[in-house]
Amino acid sequence: MEELVVEPKKNPNMLAFKSAAAYSVYFLVLMFVMKWMGISQKDPNISTAESIIYSFASYIPFIMAVVFVQTTYKKELGGYITFGKAFSSGFKVAAYSGLFIGILTILYYKVLDTKTMDDLTAAAVKEAGDDEKKLKGVEMMKPYMALAIAFLTAVSYNLYGLIISLIGAAVIKKEQPLYEE
């Protein structure tokens, strides 16, 4: 009798999970570094250069994480990948990153740096001025502000990841020719 060796199906889940976890830790460290440098995206007086630096520091490594998973998965598949598999592997990084970043953002604002949340609330009160409705809205939103920021951050990373995954998949796809199957 002849033994049949079944090669396990390759799956990008663990690679996407690890890549997203590494990026999320980087993002948390970046939050502390930017605070130490005095750069805040929430600051209305932020200069254009600081805003660009913050954006590049946030999104370039994220793009690299998505593309890394797509290209690594392509190599694991023998150098060929369909658009769907490339997109799926990249979007998994975005989905995991969104989840992890959301959790770490809540942790940051609620536990690690509560003063920043107080500063954001004070800025919202200052922006509301003498408008009673806005002041009441800020007071009502105060307990949920960290959750709202985390949710919006997670959703935005999923949307950015969707776009990056589509572009990355379109660039790296390489269908296996029929005569090589």
N, C-alpha and C. Protein backbone atom coordinates (compact mmCIF):
# COMPACT_ATOMS: atom_id res chain seq x y z
N MET A 1 0.83 -1.18 0.00
CA MET A 1 0.00 0.00 0.00
C MET A 1 0.88 1.24 0.00
N GLU A 2 0.43 2.19 -0.72
CA GLU A 2 1.17 3.42 -0.86
C GLU A 2 0.56 4.49 0.06
N GLU A 3 1.44 5.18 0.79
CA GLU A 3 0.95 6.24 1.66
C GLU A 3 0.78 7.53 0.89
N LEU A 4 -0.31 8.17 1.13
CA LEU A 4 -0.58 9.43 0.47
C LEU A 4 -0.21 10.56 1.43
N VAL A 5 0.69 11.42 1.03
CA VAL A 5 1.11 12.54 1.86
C VAL A 5 0.25 13.75 1.49
N VAL A 6 -0.46 14.21 2.47
CA VAL A 6 -1.32 15.37 2.25
C VAL A 6 -0.62 16.59 2.84
N GLU A 7 -0.37 17.54 1.97
CA GLU A 7 0.29 18.77 2.41
C GLU A 7 -0.77 19.66 3.07
N PRO A 8 -0.47 20.19 4.26
CA PRO A 8 -1.47 21.04 4.91
C PRO A 8 -1.76 22.29 4.08
N LYS A 9 -3.02 22.70 4.12
CA LYS A 9 -3.43 23.88 3.37
C LYS A 9 -2.82 25.12 4.00
N LYS A 10 -2.26 25.95 3.18
CA LYS A 10 -1.61 27.16 3.68
C LYS A 10 -2.68 28.20 3.99
N ASN A 11 -2.50 28.86 5.15
CA ASN A 11 -3.48 29.82 5.62
C ASN A 11 -2.74 31.04 6.19
N PRO A 12 -3.14 32.24 5.82
CA PRO A 12 -2.41 33.43 6.29
C PRO A 12 -2.87 33.96 7.64
N ASN A 13 -3.78 33.26 8.32
CA ASN A 13 -4.34 33.79 9.56
C ASN A 13 -3.30 34.09 10.63
N MET A 14 -2.43 33.14 10.91
CA MET A 14 -1.45 33.35 11.98
C MET A 14 -0.46 34.46 11.62
N LEU A 15 -0.04 34.49 10.37
CA LEU A 15 0.87 35.54 9.93
C LEU A 15 0.19 36.91 10.04
N ALA A 16 -1.07 37.00 9.64
CA ALA A 16 -1.82 38.26 9.74
C ALA A 16 -2.00 38.66 11.20
N PHE A 17 -2.28 37.68 12.04
CA PHE A 17 -2.45 37.94 13.48
C PHE A 17 -1.17 38.50 14.09
N LYS A 18 -0.04 37.87 13.79
CA LYS A 18 1.24 38.31 14.34
C LYS A 18 1.62 39.70 13.82
N SER A 19 1.41 39.91 12.54
CA SER A 19 1.73 41.20 11.93
C SER A 19 0.87 42.30 12.54
N ALA A 20 -0.42 42.04 12.72
CA ALA A 20 -1.32 43.02 13.31
C ALA A 20 -0.97 43.28 14.77
N ALA A 21 -0.61 42.25 15.50
CA ALA A 21 -0.23 42.43 16.90
C ALA A 21 1.04 43.27 17.02
N ALA A 22 2.00 43.00 16.15
CA ALA A 22 3.24 43.78 16.17
C ALA A 22 2.96 45.24 15.82
N TYR A 23 2.14 45.47 14.80
CA TYR A 23 1.82 46.86 14.44
C TYR A 23 1.06 47.55 15.56
N SER A 24 0.16 46.85 16.22
CA SER A 24 -0.63 47.46 17.29
C SER A 24 0.24 47.88 18.47
N VAL A 25 1.23 47.05 18.81
CA VAL A 25 2.17 47.43 19.87
C VAL A 25 2.98 48.65 19.43
N TYR A 26 3.40 48.66 18.16
CA TYR A 26 4.09 49.83 17.61
C TYR A 26 3.22 51.07 17.73
N PHE A 27 1.94 50.94 17.42
CA PHE A 27 1.00 52.06 17.49
C PHE A 27 0.89 52.60 18.92
N LEU A 28 0.84 51.69 19.90
CA LEU A 28 0.77 52.12 21.30
C LEU A 28 2.04 52.87 21.70
N VAL A 29 3.18 52.35 21.31
CA VAL A 29 4.45 53.02 21.60
C VAL A 29 4.49 54.38 20.90
N LEU A 30 3.99 54.42 19.67
CA LEU A 30 3.95 55.68 18.92
C LEU A 30 3.10 56.73 19.63
N MET A 31 2.01 56.30 20.25
CA MET A 31 1.17 57.25 20.99
C MET A 31 1.97 57.90 22.12
N PHE A 32 2.75 57.10 22.83
CA PHE A 32 3.57 57.64 23.92
C PHE A 32 4.69 58.55 23.38
N VAL A 33 5.33 58.13 22.29
CA VAL A 33 6.42 58.92 21.70
C VAL A 33 5.90 60.26 21.21
N MET A 34 4.77 60.25 20.53
CA MET A 34 4.21 61.50 20.03
C MET A 34 3.79 62.42 21.17
N LYS A 35 3.28 61.84 22.24
CA LYS A 35 2.92 62.66 23.40
C LYS A 35 4.19 63.26 24.01
N TRP A 36 5.24 62.46 24.10
CA TRP A 36 6.50 62.94 24.65
C TRP A 36 7.08 64.06 23.81
N MET A 37 6.88 63.97 22.48
CA MET A 37 7.37 65.00 21.57
C MET A 37 6.45 66.22 21.51
N GLY A 38 5.26 66.10 22.12
CA GLY A 38 4.32 67.21 22.12
C GLY A 38 3.49 67.31 20.86
N ILE A 39 3.38 66.21 20.12
CA ILE A 39 2.59 66.19 18.89
C ILE A 39 1.29 65.45 19.16
N SER A 40 0.18 66.13 18.88
CA SER A 40 -1.13 65.52 19.08
C SER A 40 -2.00 65.81 17.88
N GLN A 41 -2.62 64.78 17.33
CA GLN A 41 -3.52 64.96 16.20
C GLN A 41 -4.76 65.74 16.61
N LYS A 42 -5.11 65.69 17.88
CA LYS A 42 -6.32 66.37 18.37
C LYS A 42 -6.08 67.86 18.59
N ASP A 43 -4.83 68.29 18.55
CA ASP A 43 -4.49 69.69 18.78
C ASP A 43 -4.86 70.52 17.56
N PRO A 44 -5.72 71.56 17.74
CA PRO A 44 -6.10 72.37 16.58
C PRO A 44 -4.95 73.25 16.07
N ASN A 45 -3.92 73.46 16.87
CA ASN A 45 -2.79 74.29 16.48
C ASN A 45 -1.60 73.49 15.94
N ILE A 46 -1.83 72.24 15.57
CA ILE A 46 -0.74 71.39 15.09
C ILE A 46 -0.26 71.92 13.73
N SER A 47 1.04 71.92 13.55
CA SER A 47 1.59 72.41 12.28
C SER A 47 1.42 71.34 11.21
N THR A 48 1.53 71.75 9.98
CA THR A 48 1.39 70.83 8.85
C THR A 48 2.52 69.79 8.88
N ALA A 49 3.72 70.22 9.22
CA ALA A 49 4.85 69.29 9.27
C ALA A 49 4.63 68.22 10.34
N GLU A 50 4.15 68.63 11.51
CA GLU A 50 3.89 67.66 12.58
C GLU A 50 2.79 66.69 12.18
N SER A 51 1.78 67.20 11.51
CA SER A 51 0.68 66.34 11.05
C SER A 51 1.17 65.32 10.04
N ILE A 52 2.04 65.75 9.14
CA ILE A 52 2.59 64.84 8.13
C ILE A 52 3.47 63.78 8.79
N ILE A 53 4.30 64.21 9.74
CA ILE A 53 5.16 63.26 10.46
C ILE A 53 4.31 62.21 11.18
N TYR A 54 3.27 62.66 11.86
CA TYR A 54 2.39 61.75 12.59
C TYR A 54 1.72 60.76 11.62
N SER A 55 1.25 61.28 10.48
CA SER A 55 0.58 60.42 9.51
C SER A 55 1.54 59.38 8.93
N PHE A 56 2.74 59.83 8.54
CA PHE A 56 3.73 58.89 8.00
C PHE A 56 4.12 57.85 9.04
N ALA A 57 4.33 58.28 10.26
CA ALA A 57 4.73 57.35 11.32
C ALA A 57 3.62 56.34 11.62
N SER A 58 2.38 56.73 11.39
CA SER A 58 1.26 55.83 11.66
C SER A 58 0.98 54.88 10.50
N TYR A 59 0.93 55.43 9.29
CA TYR A 59 0.39 54.66 8.18
C TYR A 59 1.42 53.92 7.34
N ILE A 60 2.63 54.41 7.24
CA ILE A 60 3.64 53.69 6.46
C ILE A 60 3.91 52.30 7.06
N PRO A 61 4.12 52.17 8.38
CA PRO A 61 4.30 50.81 8.92
C PRO A 61 3.05 49.94 8.76
N PHE A 62 1.86 50.55 8.79
CA PHE A 62 0.63 49.79 8.59
C PHE A 62 0.58 49.24 7.16
N ILE A 63 0.90 50.09 6.20
CA ILE A 63 0.94 49.66 4.80
C ILE A 63 1.96 48.54 4.64
N MET A 64 3.11 48.71 5.28
CA MET A 64 4.16 47.69 5.19
C MET A 64 3.70 46.37 5.80
N ALA A 65 2.94 46.42 6.89
CA ALA A 65 2.44 45.19 7.52
C ALA A 65 1.48 44.46 6.60
N VAL A 66 0.58 45.19 5.96
CA VAL A 66 -0.38 44.57 5.04
C VAL A 66 0.34 43.95 3.85
N VAL A 67 1.23 44.71 3.24
CA VAL A 67 1.95 44.22 2.06
C VAL A 67 2.87 43.06 2.42
N PHE A 68 3.46 43.11 3.59
CA PHE A 68 4.33 42.01 4.05
C PHE A 68 3.55 40.70 4.10
N VAL A 69 2.36 40.74 4.68
CA VAL A 69 1.56 39.52 4.78
C VAL A 69 1.16 39.03 3.38
N GLN A 70 0.78 39.95 2.51
CA GLN A 70 0.38 39.55 1.16
C GLN A 70 1.54 38.91 0.41
N THR A 71 2.71 39.52 0.46
CA THR A 71 3.85 38.98 -0.28
C THR A 71 4.38 37.68 0.34
N THR A 72 4.37 37.60 1.66
CA THR A 72 4.82 36.38 2.32
C THR A 72 3.88 35.22 2.00
N TYR A 73 2.59 35.50 2.00
CA TYR A 73 1.62 34.47 1.67
C TYR A 73 1.79 34.02 0.21
N LYS A 74 2.10 34.96 -0.66
CA LYS A 74 2.34 34.64 -2.07
C LYS A 74 3.55 33.69 -2.19
N LYS A 75 4.61 33.97 -1.43
CA LYS A 75 5.79 33.09 -1.44
C LYS A 75 5.44 31.70 -0.94
N GLU A 76 4.62 31.63 0.13
CA GLU A 76 4.22 30.34 0.67
C GLU A 76 3.41 29.54 -0.33
N LEU A 77 2.68 30.22 -1.20
CA LEU A 77 1.88 29.54 -2.21
C LEU A 77 2.67 29.21 -3.46
N GLY A 78 3.96 29.41 -3.44
CA GLY A 78 4.81 29.06 -4.57
C GLY A 78 4.98 30.17 -5.59
N GLY A 79 4.74 31.40 -5.18
CA GLY A 79 4.95 32.52 -6.09
C GLY A 79 3.71 32.92 -6.88
N TYR A 80 2.61 32.22 -6.67
CA TYR A 80 1.36 32.54 -7.37
C TYR A 80 0.28 32.84 -6.34
N ILE A 81 -0.53 33.85 -6.61
CA ILE A 81 -1.63 34.18 -5.70
C ILE A 81 -2.74 34.84 -6.51
N THR A 82 -3.95 34.50 -6.16
CA THR A 82 -5.09 35.12 -6.82
C THR A 82 -5.38 36.47 -6.15
N PHE A 83 -6.14 37.29 -6.85
CA PHE A 83 -6.52 38.58 -6.28
C PHE A 83 -7.29 38.39 -4.97
N GLY A 84 -8.20 37.44 -4.95
CA GLY A 84 -9.02 37.20 -3.77
C GLY A 84 -8.20 36.78 -2.55
N LYS A 85 -7.24 35.87 -2.76
CA LYS A 85 -6.40 35.43 -1.65
C LYS A 85 -5.49 36.55 -1.16
N ALA A 86 -4.97 37.34 -2.08
CA ALA A 86 -4.10 38.45 -1.70
C ALA A 86 -4.91 39.50 -0.93
N PHE A 87 -6.10 39.81 -1.42
CA PHE A 87 -6.95 40.77 -0.72
C PHE A 87 -7.33 40.27 0.66
N SER A 88 -7.74 39.02 0.72
CA SER A 88 -8.18 38.43 1.98
C SER A 88 -7.06 38.44 3.02
N SER A 89 -5.86 38.08 2.61
CA SER A 89 -4.75 38.05 3.57
C SER A 89 -4.41 39.45 4.06
N GLY A 90 -4.46 40.44 3.17
CA GLY A 90 -4.18 41.81 3.58
C GLY A 90 -5.27 42.38 4.47
N PHE A 91 -6.52 42.07 4.14
CA PHE A 91 -7.63 42.61 4.94
C PHE A 91 -7.67 41.98 6.32
N LYS A 92 -7.19 40.75 6.45
CA LYS A 92 -7.12 40.12 7.78
C LYS A 92 -6.21 40.92 8.69
N VAL A 93 -5.11 41.44 8.14
CA VAL A 93 -4.21 42.29 8.93
C VAL A 93 -4.97 43.53 9.39
N ALA A 94 -5.73 44.12 8.49
CA ALA A 94 -6.49 45.33 8.83
C ALA A 94 -7.54 45.05 9.90
N ALA A 95 -8.23 43.94 9.77
CA ALA A 95 -9.27 43.59 10.73
C ALA A 95 -8.68 43.33 12.11
N TYR A 96 -7.62 42.54 12.16
CA TYR A 96 -6.97 42.28 13.44
C TYR A 96 -6.38 43.57 14.02
N SER A 97 -5.75 44.37 13.17
CA SER A 97 -5.17 45.63 13.64
C SER A 97 -6.24 46.54 14.22
N GLY A 98 -7.36 46.65 13.52
CA GLY A 98 -8.45 47.48 14.02
C GLY A 98 -8.91 47.03 15.39
N LEU A 99 -9.06 45.73 15.56
CA LEU A 99 -9.48 45.19 16.85
C LEU A 99 -8.44 45.48 17.94
N PHE A 100 -7.18 45.15 17.65
CA PHE A 100 -6.12 45.35 18.65
C PHE A 100 -5.91 46.82 18.98
N ILE A 101 -5.93 47.67 17.95
CA ILE A 101 -5.73 49.10 18.18
C ILE A 101 -6.89 49.67 18.99
N GLY A 102 -8.10 49.21 18.71
CA GLY A 102 -9.25 49.65 19.51
C GLY A 102 -9.07 49.31 20.98
N ILE A 103 -8.67 48.08 21.24
CA ILE A 103 -8.46 47.64 22.63
C ILE A 103 -7.32 48.43 23.28
N LEU A 104 -6.22 48.59 22.56
CA LEU A 104 -5.08 49.32 23.12
C LEU A 104 -5.39 50.81 23.30
N THR A 105 -6.22 51.38 22.47
CA THR A 105 -6.61 52.78 22.63
C THR A 105 -7.43 52.96 23.89
N ILE A 106 -8.36 52.05 24.14
CA ILE A 106 -9.12 52.10 25.39
C ILE A 106 -8.19 51.96 26.58
N LEU A 107 -7.27 51.02 26.50
CA LEU A 107 -6.29 50.82 27.57
C LEU A 107 -5.46 52.08 27.79
N TYR A 108 -5.04 52.71 26.70
CA TYR A 108 -4.23 53.92 26.79
C TYR A 108 -4.98 55.03 27.51
N TYR A 109 -6.20 55.31 27.06
CA TYR A 109 -6.94 56.44 27.63
C TYR A 109 -7.52 56.15 29.01
N LYS A 110 -7.89 54.92 29.29
CA LYS A 110 -8.53 54.59 30.56
C LYS A 110 -7.54 54.20 31.66
N VAL A 111 -6.37 53.66 31.27
CA VAL A 111 -5.45 53.14 32.29
C VAL A 111 -4.07 53.78 32.21
N LEU A 112 -3.46 53.74 31.05
CA LEU A 112 -2.06 54.13 30.92
C LEU A 112 -1.83 55.63 30.98
N ASP A 113 -2.73 56.42 30.41
CA ASP A 113 -2.54 57.87 30.37
C ASP A 113 -3.88 58.58 30.50
N THR A 114 -4.43 58.58 31.69
CA THR A 114 -5.74 59.18 31.93
C THR A 114 -5.70 60.70 31.79
N LYS A 115 -4.54 61.29 31.95
CA LYS A 115 -4.42 62.75 31.83
C LYS A 115 -4.74 63.21 30.40
N THR A 116 -4.39 62.42 29.42
CA THR A 116 -4.69 62.77 28.03
C THR A 116 -6.19 62.84 27.81
N MET A 117 -6.94 61.91 28.40
CA MET A 117 -8.40 61.95 28.27
C MET A 117 -8.95 63.21 28.94
N ASP A 118 -8.39 63.57 30.08
CA ASP A 118 -8.81 64.80 30.76
C ASP A 118 -8.51 66.02 29.89
N ASP A 119 -7.36 66.00 29.22
CA ASP A 119 -7.00 67.11 28.32
C ASP A 119 -7.96 67.19 27.13
N LEU A 120 -8.33 66.04 26.58
CA LEU A 120 -9.27 66.03 25.47
C LEU A 120 -10.63 66.56 25.90
N THR A 121 -11.06 66.18 27.09
CA THR A 121 -12.34 66.67 27.61
C THR A 121 -12.29 68.17 27.84
N ALA A 122 -11.18 68.64 28.41
CA ALA A 122 -11.02 70.08 28.64
C ALA A 122 -11.03 70.85 27.32
N ALA A 123 -10.40 70.30 26.30
CA ALA A 123 -10.39 70.94 24.98
C ALA A 123 -11.80 70.98 24.39
N ALA A 124 -12.57 69.93 24.60
CA ALA A 124 -13.95 69.89 24.10
C ALA A 124 -14.82 70.92 24.84
N VAL A 125 -14.60 71.07 26.14
CA VAL A 125 -15.34 72.05 26.93
C VAL A 125 -14.97 73.46 26.47
N LYS A 126 -13.69 73.68 26.23
CA LYS A 126 -13.23 74.98 25.75
C LYS A 126 -13.83 75.30 24.39
N GLU A 127 -13.87 74.30 23.51
CA GLU A 127 -14.44 74.50 22.18
C GLU A 127 -15.94 74.76 22.24
N ALA A 128 -16.62 74.17 23.22
CA ALA A 128 -18.06 74.37 23.37
C ALA A 128 -18.38 75.80 23.79
N GLY A 129 -17.44 76.42 24.50
CA GLY A 129 -17.64 77.82 24.92
C GLY A 129 -18.79 77.95 25.90
N ASP A 130 -19.69 78.87 25.60
CA ASP A 130 -20.83 79.14 26.50
C ASP A 130 -22.10 78.44 26.06
N ASP A 131 -22.02 77.66 25.01
CA ASP A 131 -23.20 76.96 24.50
C ASP A 131 -23.58 75.83 25.46
N GLU A 132 -24.74 75.98 26.11
CA GLU A 132 -25.17 75.00 27.12
C GLU A 132 -25.40 73.61 26.53
N LYS A 133 -25.96 73.57 25.31
CA LYS A 133 -26.21 72.26 24.68
C LYS A 133 -24.91 71.52 24.43
N LYS A 134 -23.91 72.22 23.93
CA LYS A 134 -22.61 71.59 23.66
C LYS A 134 -21.94 71.16 24.96
N LEU A 135 -22.02 72.00 25.99
CA LEU A 135 -21.43 71.64 27.28
C LEU A 135 -22.11 70.40 27.87
N LYS A 136 -23.43 70.36 27.75
CA LYS A 136 -24.17 69.20 28.26
C LYS A 136 -23.79 67.95 27.46
N GLY A 137 -23.62 68.11 26.14
CA GLY A 137 -23.22 66.99 25.28
C GLY A 137 -21.84 66.46 25.65
N VAL A 138 -20.92 67.39 25.94
CA VAL A 138 -19.57 66.97 26.35
C VAL A 138 -19.63 66.21 27.66
N GLU A 139 -20.41 66.68 28.61
CA GLU A 139 -20.53 66.01 29.91
C GLU A 139 -21.17 64.63 29.77
N MET A 140 -22.15 64.53 28.87
CA MET A 140 -22.80 63.23 28.66
C MET A 140 -21.86 62.25 27.96
N MET A 141 -21.03 62.78 27.07
CA MET A 141 -20.14 61.93 26.28
C MET A 141 -18.86 61.55 27.02
N LYS A 142 -18.53 62.29 28.06
CA LYS A 142 -17.25 62.10 28.77
C LYS A 142 -16.98 60.64 29.15
N PRO A 143 -17.92 59.91 29.75
CA PRO A 143 -17.61 58.52 30.12
C PRO A 143 -17.38 57.59 28.93
N TYR A 144 -17.90 57.98 27.76
CA TYR A 144 -17.81 57.13 26.58
C TYR A 144 -16.80 57.62 25.56
N MET A 145 -16.08 58.68 25.86
CA MET A 145 -15.19 59.29 24.88
C MET A 145 -14.07 58.33 24.46
N ALA A 146 -13.49 57.63 25.41
CA ALA A 146 -12.41 56.68 25.07
C ALA A 146 -12.94 55.57 24.17
N LEU A 147 -14.15 55.10 24.45
CA LEU A 147 -14.75 54.06 23.62
C LEU A 147 -15.04 54.58 22.22
N ALA A 148 -15.53 55.82 22.14
CA ALA A 148 -15.82 56.41 20.83
C ALA A 148 -14.54 56.59 20.01
N ILE A 149 -13.49 57.08 20.66
CA ILE A 149 -12.21 57.26 19.96
C ILE A 149 -11.67 55.90 19.49
N ALA A 150 -11.75 54.90 20.36
CA ALA A 150 -11.26 53.56 20.00
C ALA A 150 -12.08 52.98 18.86
N PHE A 151 -13.39 53.15 18.90
CA PHE A 151 -14.24 52.63 17.84
C PHE A 151 -13.94 53.30 16.51
N LEU A 152 -13.84 54.63 16.53
CA LEU A 152 -13.56 55.36 15.29
C LEU A 152 -12.17 55.02 14.74
N THR A 153 -11.20 54.84 15.62
CA THR A 153 -9.86 54.45 15.19
C THR A 153 -9.88 53.06 14.56
N ALA A 154 -10.58 52.13 15.19
CA ALA A 154 -10.67 50.77 14.67
C ALA A 154 -11.36 50.75 13.31
N VAL A 155 -12.45 51.49 13.18
CA VAL A 155 -13.16 51.53 11.91
C VAL A 155 -12.30 52.17 10.82
N SER A 156 -11.59 53.25 11.18
CA SER A 156 -10.76 53.91 10.17
C SER A 156 -9.62 52.99 9.71
N TYR A 157 -9.02 52.24 10.62
CA TYR A 157 -7.96 51.31 10.21
C TYR A 157 -8.52 50.19 9.33
N ASN A 158 -9.74 49.78 9.58
CA ASN A 158 -10.36 48.78 8.70
C ASN A 158 -10.61 49.36 7.31
N LEU A 159 -11.06 50.60 7.24
CA LEU A 159 -11.29 51.23 5.94
C LEU A 159 -9.98 51.44 5.19
N TYR A 160 -8.95 51.94 5.88
CA TYR A 160 -7.65 52.12 5.25
C TYR A 160 -7.10 50.76 4.80
N GLY A 161 -7.26 49.77 5.64
CA GLY A 161 -6.79 48.43 5.30
C GLY A 161 -7.52 47.85 4.11
N LEU A 162 -8.80 48.15 3.98
CA LEU A 162 -9.56 47.72 2.82
C LEU A 162 -8.96 48.28 1.54
N ILE A 163 -8.69 49.57 1.56
CA ILE A 163 -8.12 50.23 0.37
C ILE A 163 -6.71 49.71 0.08
N ILE A 164 -5.89 49.62 1.13
CA ILE A 164 -4.52 49.14 0.95
C ILE A 164 -4.51 47.69 0.46
N SER A 165 -5.40 46.87 0.99
CA SER A 165 -5.47 45.47 0.57
C SER A 165 -5.90 45.35 -0.88
N LEU A 166 -6.85 46.18 -1.30
CA LEU A 166 -7.28 46.15 -2.71
C LEU A 166 -6.14 46.53 -3.64
N ILE A 167 -5.44 47.61 -3.29
CA ILE A 167 -4.32 48.06 -4.12
C ILE A 167 -3.20 47.02 -4.12
N GLY A 168 -2.86 46.54 -2.93
CA GLY A 168 -1.80 45.53 -2.82
C GLY A 168 -2.14 44.26 -3.58
N ALA A 169 -3.38 43.82 -3.49
CA ALA A 169 -3.79 42.60 -4.19
C ALA A 169 -3.73 42.79 -5.70
N ALA A 170 -4.12 43.99 -6.16
CA ALA A 170 -4.07 44.26 -7.59
C ALA A 170 -2.64 44.25 -8.11
N VAL A 171 -1.71 44.70 -7.27
CA VAL A 171 -0.31 44.78 -7.70
C VAL A 171 0.38 43.42 -7.63
N ILE A 172 0.15 42.65 -6.56
CA ILE A 172 0.94 41.42 -6.40
C ILE A 172 0.30 40.16 -6.95
N LYS A 173 -0.95 40.23 -7.41
CA LYS A 173 -1.59 39.01 -7.90
C LYS A 173 -0.80 38.43 -9.07
N LYS A 174 -0.74 37.14 -9.09
CA LYS A 174 -0.07 36.44 -10.17
C LYS A 174 -0.73 35.06 -10.25
N GLU A 175 -1.58 34.93 -11.24
CA GLU A 175 -2.30 33.68 -11.43
C GLU A 175 -1.36 32.59 -11.92
N GLN A 176 -1.59 31.39 -11.46
CA GLN A 176 -0.79 30.26 -11.93
C GLN A 176 -1.29 29.85 -13.32
N PRO A 177 -0.37 29.74 -14.27
CA PRO A 177 -0.79 29.33 -15.61
C PRO A 177 -1.40 27.92 -15.60
N LEU A 178 -2.32 27.70 -16.49
CA LEU A 178 -3.02 26.41 -16.54
C LEU A 178 -2.07 25.25 -16.84
N TYR A 179 -1.07 25.48 -17.64
CA TYR A 179 -0.16 24.39 -18.01
C TYR A 179 0.78 23.99 -16.87
N GLU A 180 0.82 24.76 -15.76
CA GLU A 180 1.69 24.39 -14.63
C GLU A 180 0.94 23.67 -13.54
N GLU A 181 -0.36 23.58 -13.66
CA GLU A 181 -1.15 22.95 -12.59
C GLU A 181 -0.95 21.52 -12.59
